[in-house]
Protein backbone atom coordinates (compact mmCIF):
# COMPACT_ATOMS: atom_id res chain seq x y z
CA MET A 1 -48.91 93.84 45.27
CA VAL A 2 -51.99 93.37 47.42
CA SER A 3 -52.81 96.10 49.89
CA SER A 4 -52.67 95.05 53.53
CA SER A 5 -53.22 96.39 57.00
CA PRO A 6 -50.16 96.54 59.30
CA ASP A 7 -51.32 93.42 61.12
CA THR A 8 -51.69 91.52 57.86
CA ARG A 9 -48.25 92.67 56.72
CA LEU A 10 -46.74 91.29 59.92
CA THR A 11 -48.43 87.94 59.27
CA LEU A 12 -47.18 87.87 55.68
CA ALA A 13 -43.65 88.65 56.74
CA THR A 14 -43.48 86.14 59.58
CA THR A 15 -45.60 83.27 58.26
CA PRO A 16 -45.58 83.28 54.44
CA VAL A 17 -46.58 79.63 54.38
CA GLN A 18 -49.86 80.55 56.05
CA ALA A 19 -50.42 83.70 53.99
CA GLY A 20 -49.48 82.55 50.50
CA GLY A 21 -50.16 78.91 51.27
CA ARG A 22 -53.76 79.62 52.24
CA PHE A 23 -54.40 81.28 48.88
CA GLY A 24 -52.49 78.55 47.05
CA ALA A 25 -54.60 75.84 48.67
CA GLN A 26 -57.71 77.68 47.47
CA GLY A 27 -56.38 77.84 43.90
CA LYS A 28 -55.85 81.59 44.12
CA ARG A 29 -52.38 81.60 42.61
CA ALA A 30 -52.18 85.33 41.87
CA GLU A 31 -53.02 86.16 45.48
CA ALA A 32 -50.57 83.55 46.76
CA LEU A 33 -47.77 84.93 44.59
CA ALA A 34 -48.56 88.44 45.79
CA GLY A 35 -48.49 87.23 49.39
CA TYR A 36 -45.05 85.70 49.07
CA GLN A 37 -43.73 88.70 47.16
CA GLU A 38 -45.01 91.11 49.78
CA ALA A 39 -43.48 89.02 52.54
CA LEU A 40 -40.12 89.30 50.77
CA VAL A 41 -40.42 93.06 50.43
CA LEU A 42 -40.86 93.27 54.19
CA LYS A 43 -38.35 90.58 55.04
CA PRO A 44 -35.95 89.82 52.13
CA GLU A 45 -33.92 87.38 54.22
CA PHE A 46 -36.90 85.05 54.77
CA ALA A 47 -35.63 81.81 53.15
CA GLU A 48 -38.99 80.05 53.40
CA ALA A 49 -40.74 82.77 51.43
CA HIS A 50 -38.18 82.47 48.64
CA PHE A 51 -38.69 78.70 48.63
CA TYR A 52 -42.47 78.78 48.44
CA LEU A 53 -42.42 81.48 45.79
CA GLY A 54 -40.06 79.27 43.79
CA ALA A 55 -42.36 76.28 44.18
CA MET A 56 -45.28 78.28 42.82
CA LEU A 57 -43.26 79.54 39.87
CA GLN A 58 -42.02 76.03 39.15
CA ALA A 59 -45.58 74.67 39.05
CA GLN A 60 -46.33 77.23 36.34
CA GLY A 61 -43.32 76.21 34.29
CA ILE A 62 -41.40 79.43 35.02
CA ILE A 63 -38.30 77.39 35.70
CA ASP A 64 -35.46 79.91 35.52
CA GLU A 65 -37.12 82.21 38.05
CA ALA A 66 -37.99 79.24 40.27
CA ILE A 67 -34.38 78.08 40.27
CA GLY A 68 -33.30 81.59 41.25
CA CYS A 69 -35.70 81.50 44.22
CA PHE A 70 -34.38 78.13 45.38
CA GLN A 71 -30.79 79.31 45.08
CA THR A 72 -31.57 82.44 47.08
CA ALA A 73 -33.26 80.34 49.77
CA LEU A 74 -30.15 78.18 50.00
CA SER A 75 -27.86 81.19 50.22
CA LEU A 76 -29.87 82.31 53.25
CA LYS A 77 -30.30 78.85 54.76
CA PRO A 78 -27.60 76.48 53.44
CA ASP A 79 -29.04 73.35 55.09
CA TYR A 80 -32.56 73.88 53.77
CA VAL A 81 -33.25 70.30 52.63
CA GLU A 82 -36.50 71.02 50.79
CA ALA A 83 -34.83 73.77 48.75
CA HIS A 84 -31.92 71.49 47.81
CA TRP A 85 -34.41 68.85 46.73
CA ALA A 86 -36.50 71.32 44.75
CA LEU A 87 -33.41 72.65 42.99
CA ALA A 88 -32.68 69.13 41.72
CA MET A 89 -36.26 68.44 40.64
CA SER A 90 -36.49 71.78 38.82
CA GLN A 91 -33.91 70.65 36.27
CA LEU A 92 -36.77 68.98 34.38
CA ALA A 93 -39.04 71.03 32.13
CA LEU A 94 -42.81 70.83 32.48
CA VAL A 95 -43.46 71.85 28.88
CA TYR A 96 -40.65 72.24 26.38
CA GLY A 97 -40.38 75.61 24.72
CA THR A 98 -39.32 76.37 21.16
CA GLY A 99 -35.74 75.20 20.66
CA ASP A 100 -35.50 73.24 23.94
CA VAL A 101 -33.44 70.03 23.76
CA PRO A 102 -34.99 67.39 26.06
CA GLY A 103 -31.70 65.50 26.45
CA ASN A 104 -30.09 68.54 28.08
CA PHE A 105 -32.73 68.55 30.80
CA ARG A 106 -32.27 64.84 31.46
CA GLU A 107 -28.50 65.18 31.80
CA ALA A 108 -28.90 68.14 34.16
CA PHE A 109 -31.34 66.16 36.28
CA SER A 110 -28.99 63.19 36.56
CA ARG A 111 -26.13 65.45 37.66
CA ALA A 112 -28.38 67.19 40.18
CA LEU A 113 -29.45 63.83 41.65
CA ALA A 114 -25.82 62.79 42.06
CA ASP A 115 -25.01 66.09 43.78
CA LEU A 116 -28.05 65.73 46.02
CA ASP A 117 -27.12 62.19 47.00
CA HIS A 118 -23.64 63.39 47.96
CA TRP A 119 -25.07 66.40 49.86
CA PHE A 120 -27.11 64.15 52.16
CA ASP A 121 -24.12 63.11 54.22
CA ALA A 122 -24.06 61.64 57.72
CA ASN A 123 -24.93 65.00 59.26
CA ARG A 124 -27.80 65.90 56.94
CA ILE A 125 -29.46 62.54 56.34
CA LYS A 126 -31.56 62.83 59.49
CA ASP A 127 -33.63 65.56 57.82
CA GLY A 128 -33.83 63.87 54.42
CA PHE A 129 -37.34 62.52 55.00
CA LYS A 130 -38.65 66.09 54.91
CA ALA A 131 -37.63 66.42 51.29
CA VAL A 132 -38.64 63.03 49.87
CA GLY A 133 -41.83 63.43 47.87
CA SER A 134 -42.01 67.18 48.40
CA GLN A 135 -41.40 67.37 44.67
CA ALA A 136 -41.02 64.49 42.25
CA PRO A 137 -39.83 63.92 38.67
CA TYR A 138 -43.46 63.49 37.63
CA TYR A 139 -43.02 65.08 34.20
CA LEU A 140 -40.19 62.73 33.25
CA ALA A 141 -42.84 60.22 32.19
CA TYR A 142 -43.95 62.59 29.42
CA ASP A 143 -40.54 62.28 27.78
CA GLU A 144 -40.74 59.25 25.48
CA GLN A 145 -37.42 57.80 26.61
CA ASP A 146 -36.34 54.85 28.73
CA ASN A 147 -36.48 56.38 32.19
CA ARG A 148 -35.58 53.30 34.22
CA GLY A 149 -32.00 54.44 34.85
CA LEU A 150 -32.89 57.97 35.93
CA LEU A 151 -35.80 56.86 38.08
CA SER A 152 -33.70 54.14 39.72
CA GLN A 153 -31.12 56.79 40.60
CA TYR A 154 -33.93 58.86 42.10
CA GLY A 155 -35.51 55.83 43.78
CA ASP A 156 -32.28 54.78 45.47
CA LEU A 157 -31.97 58.22 47.03
CA CYS A 158 -35.60 58.22 48.23
CA VAL A 159 -35.21 54.80 49.82
CA ARG A 160 -31.88 55.66 51.47
CA LEU A 161 -33.37 58.70 53.16
CA MET A 162 -36.62 57.03 54.20
CA ARG A 163 -34.86 53.90 55.44
CA TYR A 164 -32.77 56.06 57.76
CA TRP A 165 -35.92 57.69 59.14
CA GLN A 166 -37.69 54.34 59.55
CA ASP A 167 -34.74 52.74 61.35
CA GLU A 168 -34.30 55.75 63.63
CA GLN A 169 -38.00 55.73 64.48
CA GLY A 170 -38.10 51.99 65.03
CA ARG A 171 -41.27 51.78 62.96
CA LEU A 172 -40.73 48.40 61.36
CA PRO A 173 -43.21 45.78 60.12
CA GLN A 174 -44.02 42.86 62.39
CA ASP A 175 -44.76 39.31 61.30
CA ARG A 176 -48.44 38.71 60.79
CA PRO A 177 -49.96 35.54 62.19
CA PRO A 178 -51.61 33.34 59.54
CA GLY A 179 -55.23 34.26 58.91
CA GLU A 180 -58.15 32.99 56.91
CA THR A 181 -57.83 35.80 54.40
CA ILE A 182 -54.92 37.64 52.80
CA SER A 183 -54.72 41.16 54.19
CA VAL A 184 -54.39 43.68 51.36
CA GLY A 185 -53.72 47.36 51.97
CA LEU A 186 -54.68 49.92 49.35
CA VAL A 187 -52.77 53.17 49.82
CA SER A 188 -53.87 56.12 47.69
CA ALA A 189 -54.43 59.86 47.71
CA HIS A 190 -57.16 59.50 45.08
CA ILE A 191 -60.10 57.66 46.61
CA ARG A 192 -62.52 60.07 44.97
CA ASP A 193 -63.73 61.11 41.54
CA GLN A 194 -60.30 61.19 39.92
CA SER A 195 -58.64 59.39 37.02
CA VAL A 196 -56.72 56.85 39.15
CA TRP A 197 -59.90 55.86 40.98
CA THR A 198 -61.91 55.71 37.75
CA ALA A 199 -59.38 53.62 35.85
CA ILE A 200 -57.95 51.28 38.49
CA THR A 201 -59.03 51.51 42.10
CA ARG A 202 -62.82 51.50 41.79
CA GLY A 203 -62.93 48.15 39.99
CA LEU A 204 -60.51 46.60 42.45
CA CYS A 205 -62.57 47.77 45.44
CA GLN A 206 -65.75 46.47 43.87
CA HIS A 207 -64.67 43.07 42.64
CA LEU A 208 -61.91 41.75 44.94
CA ASP A 209 -63.08 38.45 46.48
CA ARG A 210 -63.81 39.18 50.14
CA ASP A 211 -63.87 35.46 51.01
CA ARG A 212 -60.15 35.26 50.29
CA PHE A 213 -58.98 38.85 50.77
CA SER A 214 -59.61 41.50 53.40
CA LEU A 215 -59.23 44.97 51.93
CA HIS A 216 -57.93 47.82 54.08
CA VAL A 217 -58.01 51.26 52.48
CA PHE A 218 -55.68 54.05 53.58
CA TYR A 219 -56.92 57.26 52.04
CA ILE A 220 -54.16 59.81 52.42
CA GLY A 221 -56.04 62.49 50.49
CA THR A 222 -58.41 65.06 51.94
CA VAL A 223 -61.25 65.58 49.45
CA GLN A 224 -64.13 63.18 50.00
CA ASP A 225 -67.12 62.55 47.76
CA GLN A 226 -69.62 59.81 46.96
CA HIS A 227 -66.83 57.62 45.57
CA THR A 228 -64.98 57.87 48.88
CA ALA A 229 -68.12 56.66 50.61
CA VAL A 230 -68.35 53.72 48.19
CA ALA A 231 -64.75 52.70 48.94
CA LYS A 232 -65.43 52.95 52.67
CA SER A 233 -68.45 50.68 52.37
CA GLN A 234 -66.45 48.10 50.41
CA SER A 235 -63.44 47.83 52.74
CA ALA A 236 -62.82 45.87 55.93
CA SER A 237 -61.28 49.02 57.37
CA PHE A 238 -60.95 52.56 56.05
CA VAL A 239 -58.36 54.94 57.48
CA SER A 240 -58.30 58.64 56.65
CA GLY A 241 -57.32 61.91 58.27
CA ALA A 242 -53.99 60.88 59.79
CA ALA A 243 -51.92 63.95 60.62
CA GLY A 244 -48.54 63.13 59.12
CA LEU A 245 -45.90 60.59 58.17
CA SER A 246 -45.54 58.96 61.59
CA GLN A 247 -49.28 58.55 61.95
CA TRP A 248 -49.68 57.02 58.50
CA VAL A 249 -46.84 54.58 59.06
CA ASP A 250 -48.30 53.56 62.42
CA ALA A 251 -51.76 53.09 60.91
CA ILE A 252 -50.42 50.86 58.14
CA LEU A 253 -48.14 48.82 60.40
CA GLU A 254 -50.94 48.29 62.90
CA HIS A 255 -52.84 46.25 60.30
CA ARG A 256 -49.90 43.85 59.69
CA LEU A 257 -50.64 43.64 55.99
CA ASP A 258 -49.61 40.81 53.70
CA VAL A 259 -49.62 43.06 50.65
CA ILE A 260 -49.69 46.78 49.96
CA ILE A 261 -50.96 48.01 46.60
CA TYR A 262 -50.20 51.58 45.57
CA PRO A 263 -52.49 52.38 42.59
CA GLU A 264 -50.01 55.11 41.71
CA VAL A 265 -46.61 56.23 42.92
CA GLY A 266 -45.33 59.60 41.79
CA MET A 267 -48.32 61.94 41.99
CA ASP A 268 -48.51 62.52 45.73
CA PRO A 269 -45.80 63.37 48.31
CA MET A 270 -47.01 61.07 51.09
CA THR A 271 -47.43 58.14 48.72
CA ILE A 272 -43.80 58.48 47.65
CA ARG A 273 -42.58 58.57 51.26
CA LEU A 274 -44.59 55.52 52.25
CA ALA A 275 -43.67 53.56 49.11
CA SER A 276 -39.99 54.27 49.79
CA MET A 277 -40.20 52.17 52.97
CA ARG A 278 -40.79 48.49 53.63
CA LEU A 279 -44.19 48.35 55.36
CA ALA A 280 -45.38 44.92 54.16
CA PRO A 281 -43.75 41.70 52.89
CA VAL A 282 -45.11 42.28 49.37
CA GLN A 283 -45.36 45.77 47.87
CA VAL A 284 -46.97 46.46 44.52
CA ALA A 285 -47.49 49.52 42.33
CA ALA A 286 -50.02 49.94 39.54
CA TRP A 287 -50.16 52.19 36.50
CA GLY A 288 -52.02 55.20 37.92
CA HIS A 289 -48.74 56.92 37.12
CA PRO A 290 -47.68 54.79 34.13
CA GLU A 291 -43.96 54.53 34.71
CA THR A 292 -41.58 52.47 36.81
CA THR A 293 -41.35 53.84 40.34
CA GLY A 294 -37.59 53.28 40.41
CA LEU A 295 -37.95 52.26 44.06
CA PRO A 296 -36.18 49.09 45.25
CA THR A 297 -38.91 48.78 47.89
CA ILE A 298 -41.58 48.08 45.26
CA ASP A 299 -41.50 44.41 44.27
CA TYR A 300 -44.04 44.20 41.44
CA TYR A 301 -45.62 46.48 38.86
CA LEU A 302 -49.18 45.80 37.72
CA SER A 303 -49.77 46.55 34.07
CA ALA A 304 -51.88 45.06 31.27
CA GLU A 305 -51.30 42.62 28.43
CA ASP A 306 -52.97 44.98 25.96
CA PHE A 307 -50.67 47.87 26.90
CA GLU A 308 -47.23 46.27 27.08
CA PRO A 309 -44.80 45.78 24.20
CA VAL A 310 -43.19 42.36 23.85
CA ASP A 311 -40.08 43.53 25.69
CA GLY A 312 -41.96 45.63 28.25
CA ALA A 313 -40.38 43.99 31.31
CA LYS A 314 -37.06 45.70 30.66
CA ASN A 315 -38.64 49.11 31.26
CA TYR A 316 -39.32 48.40 34.94
CA ARG A 317 -37.16 48.10 38.00
CA GLU A 318 -40.00 46.09 39.53
CA GLU A 319 -41.03 42.65 38.29
CA LEU A 320 -43.70 43.22 35.66
CA VAL A 321 -47.10 41.58 36.12
CA ALA A 322 -49.22 42.02 32.98
CA LEU A 323 -52.86 41.34 33.84
CA PRO A 324 -55.28 40.24 31.10
CA HIS A 325 -56.87 42.65 28.64
CA LEU A 326 -56.82 46.28 29.90
CA GLY A 327 -55.58 45.20 33.33
CA CYS A 328 -58.54 46.79 35.13
CA SER A 329 -62.29 46.60 35.56
CA TYR A 330 -63.58 49.89 34.16
CA GLN A 331 -67.14 51.11 34.56
CA PRO A 332 -68.58 53.51 31.97
CA LEU A 333 -69.31 56.94 33.41
CA GLN A 334 -72.69 57.22 31.66
CA VAL A 335 -72.60 61.00 31.52
CA SER A 336 -75.32 62.98 29.78
CA GLY A 337 -73.49 65.34 27.47
CA VAL A 338 -74.39 69.01 27.25
CA ALA A 339 -74.41 70.35 23.70
CA PRO A 340 -71.52 72.83 23.34
CA ASP A 341 -71.94 76.41 22.20
CA LEU A 342 -69.23 76.20 19.54
CA GLU A 343 -69.45 79.83 18.53
CA ALA A 344 -68.98 81.00 22.13
CA LEU A 345 -65.90 78.78 22.43
CA GLY A 346 -64.44 80.12 19.19
CA ILE A 347 -64.86 76.77 17.44
CA ALA A 348 -65.72 76.61 13.76
CA VAL A 349 -69.09 75.07 12.99
CA ASP A 350 -68.40 74.25 9.33
CA ALA A 351 -64.99 72.55 9.43
CA PRO A 352 -63.69 69.10 10.42
CA LEU A 353 -63.11 69.28 14.19
CA LEU A 354 -60.16 67.41 15.65
CA LEU A 355 -60.14 67.23 19.44
CA CYS A 356 -56.71 67.37 21.13
CA PRO A 357 -57.66 66.61 24.74
CA GLY A 358 -54.26 66.31 26.42
CA THR A 359 -52.74 68.66 28.96
CA PRO A 360 -49.87 70.79 27.56
CA TYR A 361 -47.10 68.61 28.98
CA LYS A 362 -48.41 65.62 26.99
CA TYR A 363 -47.37 67.28 23.72
CA ALA A 364 -43.70 66.70 22.95
CA PRO A 365 -41.84 68.83 20.38
CA GLN A 366 -40.99 65.91 18.09
CA HIS A 367 -44.68 65.52 17.25
CA ASP A 368 -45.47 69.15 16.43
CA GLN A 369 -45.05 68.69 12.69
CA VAL A 370 -47.86 66.12 12.67
CA PHE A 371 -50.40 68.88 13.26
CA VAL A 372 -48.87 70.98 10.50
CA GLU A 373 -49.12 68.13 8.02
CA ILE A 374 -52.71 67.25 8.96
CA ALA A 375 -53.70 70.90 8.44
CA ARG A 376 -51.82 71.10 5.15
CA ARG A 377 -53.59 68.03 3.77
CA LEU A 378 -57.05 68.68 5.18
CA GLY A 379 -57.13 72.37 4.36
CA ARG A 380 -59.92 73.92 6.36
CA CYS A 381 -60.04 72.20 9.77
CA GLN A 382 -59.68 73.05 13.43
CA PHE A 383 -57.61 71.52 16.23
CA ILE A 384 -59.25 72.03 19.63
CA PHE A 385 -56.78 72.23 22.52
CA PHE A 386 -57.51 72.99 26.17
CA ASN A 387 -56.05 75.73 28.35
CA ASP A 388 -54.24 74.46 31.42
CA ASP A 389 -54.88 75.94 34.86
CA HIS A 390 -51.34 77.24 34.62
CA GLU A 391 -51.70 79.54 31.62
CA ASN A 392 -47.95 79.75 31.07
CA LEU A 393 -47.85 76.05 30.14
CA SER A 394 -50.56 76.43 27.51
CA GLU A 395 -48.82 79.52 26.16
CA LYS A 396 -45.56 77.59 25.73
CA LEU A 397 -47.37 74.93 23.70
CA ARG A 398 -49.16 77.55 21.61
CA GLU A 399 -45.90 79.37 20.85
CA ARG A 400 -44.25 76.11 19.83
CA LEU A 401 -47.12 75.22 17.48
CA GLU A 402 -47.12 78.72 16.03
CA ALA A 403 -43.41 78.33 15.26
CA ALA A 404 -43.96 74.91 13.64
CA PHE A 405 -46.71 76.27 11.38
CA ALA A 406 -44.67 79.37 10.55
CA GLN A 407 -41.85 77.20 9.19
CA VAL A 408 -44.07 76.34 6.20
CA ASP A 409 -45.70 79.78 5.96
CA MET A 410 -48.90 78.70 7.68
CA TYR A 411 -50.64 80.37 10.61
CA PHE A 412 -51.61 78.26 13.58
CA ASP A 413 -54.45 80.61 14.52
CA GLU A 414 -56.20 79.67 11.29
CA TYR A 415 -56.26 76.00 12.33
CA GLY A 416 -56.10 75.83 16.11
CA VAL A 417 -58.01 77.11 19.11
CA PHE A 418 -57.43 76.83 22.85
CA ILE A 419 -60.60 76.64 24.91
CA PRO A 420 -61.24 76.60 28.67
CA TRP A 421 -61.26 73.31 30.55
CA GLN A 422 -64.77 71.89 30.49
CA THR A 423 -67.04 70.29 33.05
CA ARG A 424 -67.58 66.60 32.47
CA PRO A 425 -71.07 67.00 30.89
CA SER A 426 -69.71 69.76 28.63
CA PHE A 427 -66.69 67.62 27.71
CA TYR A 428 -68.95 64.71 26.83
CA GLY A 429 -71.07 67.04 24.73
CA LEU A 430 -67.92 68.06 22.87
CA LEU A 431 -66.90 64.40 22.39
CA GLN A 432 -70.31 63.77 20.84
CA ARG A 433 -70.02 66.77 18.50
CA VAL A 434 -66.46 66.69 17.11
CA ASP A 435 -65.31 64.45 14.27
CA VAL A 436 -62.05 62.91 15.52
CA CYS A 437 -60.13 62.51 18.77
CA LEU A 438 -56.38 62.86 18.23
CA ASP A 439 -54.72 60.86 20.97
CA THR A 440 -51.55 62.37 22.42
CA MET A 441 -48.40 60.78 21.01
CA GLY A 442 -45.80 59.32 23.35
CA PHE A 443 -48.12 59.52 26.37
CA SER A 444 -51.55 58.21 25.48
CA GLY A 445 -54.74 59.03 27.37
CA PHE A 446 -56.53 56.10 29.01
CA ASN A 447 -59.53 57.77 30.63
CA THR A 448 -59.92 60.17 27.70
CA ALA A 449 -59.87 57.31 25.21
CA MET A 450 -62.44 55.35 27.22
CA GLN A 451 -64.67 58.41 27.38
CA ALA A 452 -64.33 58.95 23.63
CA ILE A 453 -65.27 55.32 23.02
CA GLU A 454 -68.26 55.68 25.33
CA CYS A 455 -69.36 58.60 23.12
CA GLY A 456 -68.74 56.65 19.90
CA LEU A 457 -65.98 59.03 18.80
CA PRO A 458 -63.26 57.75 16.41
CA ILE A 459 -59.73 57.94 17.84
CA VAL A 460 -56.46 58.18 15.98
CA THR A 461 -53.46 56.98 17.98
CA LEU A 462 -49.75 56.37 17.52
CA GLU A 463 -48.63 53.19 19.28
CA GLY A 464 -45.75 54.17 21.54
CA ARG A 465 -42.57 52.44 22.67
CA PHE A 466 -43.66 52.21 26.30
CA MET A 467 -46.84 51.27 28.15
CA ARG A 468 -47.67 54.92 28.76
CA GLY A 469 -47.87 55.47 25.01
CA ARG A 470 -50.10 52.46 24.28
CA PHE A 471 -53.37 53.02 26.15
CA ALA A 472 -55.53 54.04 23.20
CA SER A 473 -53.91 51.48 20.90
CA GLY A 474 -54.68 48.71 23.40
CA ILE A 475 -58.29 49.89 23.70
CA LEU A 476 -58.79 50.12 19.94
CA LYS A 477 -57.26 46.73 19.30
CA ARG A 478 -59.44 45.24 22.02
CA ILE A 479 -62.59 46.32 20.14
CA GLY A 480 -61.31 45.26 16.71
CA LEU A 481 -60.31 48.70 15.41
CA SER A 482 -56.57 48.20 15.01
CA GLU A 483 -56.88 50.03 11.67
CA LEU A 484 -56.90 53.29 13.70
CA VAL A 485 -53.57 52.46 15.34
CA ALA A 486 -50.66 54.10 13.54
CA GLN A 487 -47.06 52.92 13.76
CA THR A 488 -45.59 56.04 12.14
CA HIS A 489 -46.24 59.77 12.05
CA GLU A 490 -47.15 59.47 8.36
CA ARG A 491 -49.83 56.88 9.05
CA TYR A 492 -51.19 58.98 11.94
CA VAL A 493 -51.59 61.89 9.53
CA GLU A 494 -53.27 59.69 6.92
CA LEU A 495 -55.81 58.36 9.42
CA ALA A 496 -56.63 61.83 10.75
CA VAL A 497 -57.11 63.17 7.22
CA LYS A 498 -59.28 60.23 6.15
CA LEU A 499 -61.54 60.54 9.19
CA GLY A 500 -61.69 64.30 8.77
CA GLN A 501 -62.65 64.15 5.10
CA ASP A 502 -64.72 60.99 4.74
CA SER A 503 -68.03 61.35 6.58
CA GLU A 504 -69.23 57.91 5.46
CA TYR A 505 -66.11 56.28 6.91
CA ARG A 506 -66.61 58.21 10.16
CA ARG A 507 -70.18 56.93 10.43
CA ASP A 508 -68.99 53.38 9.82
CA VAL A 509 -66.32 53.66 12.52
CA ARG A 510 -68.78 55.16 14.99
CA ALA A 511 -71.20 52.28 14.38
CA ARG A 512 -68.47 49.70 14.91
CA ILE A 513 -67.38 51.38 18.14
CA VAL A 514 -70.92 51.32 19.50
CA ALA A 515 -71.37 47.67 18.48
CA SER A 516 -68.14 46.42 20.09
CA ARG A 517 -67.37 48.70 23.05
CA ASP A 518 -69.16 46.66 25.74
CA VAL A 519 -66.19 44.29 25.89
CA LEU A 520 -64.20 47.11 27.52
CA PHE A 521 -66.51 47.62 30.47
CA ASP A 522 -66.91 45.75 33.78
CA ASP A 523 -64.33 43.14 32.82
CA VAL A 524 -63.52 41.06 35.93
CA ALA A 525 -60.86 38.87 34.26
CA PRO A 526 -58.03 41.25 35.35
CA ILE A 527 -59.26 41.17 38.97
CA ARG A 528 -59.44 37.37 38.99
CA ALA A 529 -55.87 37.26 37.61
CA LEU A 530 -54.74 39.73 40.26
CA GLU A 531 -56.23 37.49 42.93
CA ARG A 532 -54.31 34.48 41.61
CA PHE A 533 -51.13 36.54 41.58
CA LEU A 534 -51.64 37.73 45.17
CA LEU A 535 -52.33 34.20 46.42
CA GLU A 536 -49.21 32.88 44.73
CA VAL A 537 -46.84 35.68 45.72
CA THR A 538 -47.91 35.78 49.37
CA LYS A 539 -47.42 32.02 49.69
CA ARG A 540 -44.02 32.28 48.03
CA THR A 541 -42.98 35.14 50.31
CA ALA A 542 -44.19 33.30 53.42
CA ARG A 543 -42.14 30.22 52.48
CA ALA A 544 -39.03 32.35 51.92
CA SER A 545 -39.27 34.17 55.28
C-alpha cells in the first residue's frame, strides 16, 4: 500500500481512473496497482476500480486474478460493457506457461465471443461502441494457427456494434466529387519512431506520387517526434489531437476520402473502432499487425510477395494484395552501435552467443525443445533473451525453458541469460558483437531481421505457415541466403550449430550479407505497385457505385 493523506485517499476512492490511471500512463505500474488496491480498501463496491485493476493484471499476464477482477466488477455493475468485453478477451493467454494447452484457450475465447455477441441485445447495443477496441485479441497472432475463423467471429461483433453507433449518429460517408487526384487517408496511431512507421508507413509517405494522389494523415496517437514532423511535411493535410471517436469520425468524413489505408489494425483501440466502420468507399489494411483483421469493413489486405505462401489468400477475410518484394520501401536506420559491456550484462565472453531478440509472447511452447537441442549439440554457448517490461511474462518464459532443459537433465541457467531491454545504439552494438541471431519461430521479426542484416549478422529462421512467420525467410531469400532458411526444427538446429561452431562460415555469411543487402533498402517497386492498385480499385469502385 502507498501512504496517503486523507484528501488523497478520497481521490483514490472516488476517481481510481485518475489515481491509478495517472501512474499507469507514466509507466509506474506498481504505483498504479497500489492506487487501485487502496481505492478498493476504502470503497470495495467500486466496480470501476475492480475493472482497471483487472486490466493492469491482464497486461502482466496474471490472467486468473484479472478474470476475478472483471467478474467482481460485473457482479457490482451487471451492465458494465467494458468489463464484459474484457472478460471475453482475457480468455487468451499472453505467454503460455508450463503445461498450458493453446487449443483450450482458443476454444474458451470462441465461446466467450458467442456469449458476448448474445449479451449485446437490443437494450445493450447502444453502449457497445464503448467496448470495441478497449481490448483486442492481439496475442492470437502469436499462436501459429489459422485464425481467420476466430477473428471473423470477433470482427463481425465489432462491426455490428460500431455500425449501430454510426447509424444512430448519422455520421455516414458522402459521395466525393471527382478530383484531379485520388484522395488517400492514412489512419495510424504510430506516426513516430515505432516499428509500424519504420517498416511500412515512412516509405509510403515519402514515395507516394503526389501528382496522382493526395495524402491525408490522421495521427490518432499522442507522442510526437521528428518522424511525426516528417509525415506532416509530406502530407496534404495532417490531423492530430482530436478528442474522441466522434471527432475522429468527423475529421475523416470531412475529407471525403477515396481510400483509407490502416497500416495496422489490432494494436490500438481507436484504430479498431474506426476500421470497424465504413468511412470511405475503399478500405485497406496493411501488415503492421500481420494478421487478417477479420473485419468485413476492410476490403483489401496489403502484404508482400516475398512473405506469402502459395495459398496465402485463404488466410485472410480481406482480398489479398501481395505487393512486389518485401511489400514496403524500408530505409536503413544507420545507427552507430555502442559496444556492450558483456560482463555487466552477465553474458559470456568466450562462448558462441546466440541472440534471441523476441518479446516473451513470440516464443511458443512447441519450439522450446529447439533451444535444448542447440545447447546439447553446441555444448558451451549462451542464448541471450530480453526481459519484458512486464516481468511476469519473462518469468513465465524462463520457467518454461527451465522445465524443457530439466527434462534432459540440463540446466537452462548454464546456457541462457535474460538481460534488460536495450537502447537502440546498445542493441546495435549487441547485434555487431554476437555470433548468430535466432529468429523467433511461428512469428518472425521483420524490423529485427532488417536491423540484423544492417549489422551484417547471420540469421537462422524457420519458414512459417503464415505471413507472420515468414519475414526473415523472405528477407534472406531476397539477398540470396536461402540456405539459412529452415523448413524443419531439425534443420534450424543444424544451422544454428554450424554458425555457432564454424567461425570461417560465419565470416563468409557476414561478407555475403554486406555485399547483397542494399537490394533490401529504399525499394520503390512496392510503392509503384500500390499506386497501380489504388488507381485500378478506385476506378472499379466508382463504376460500381
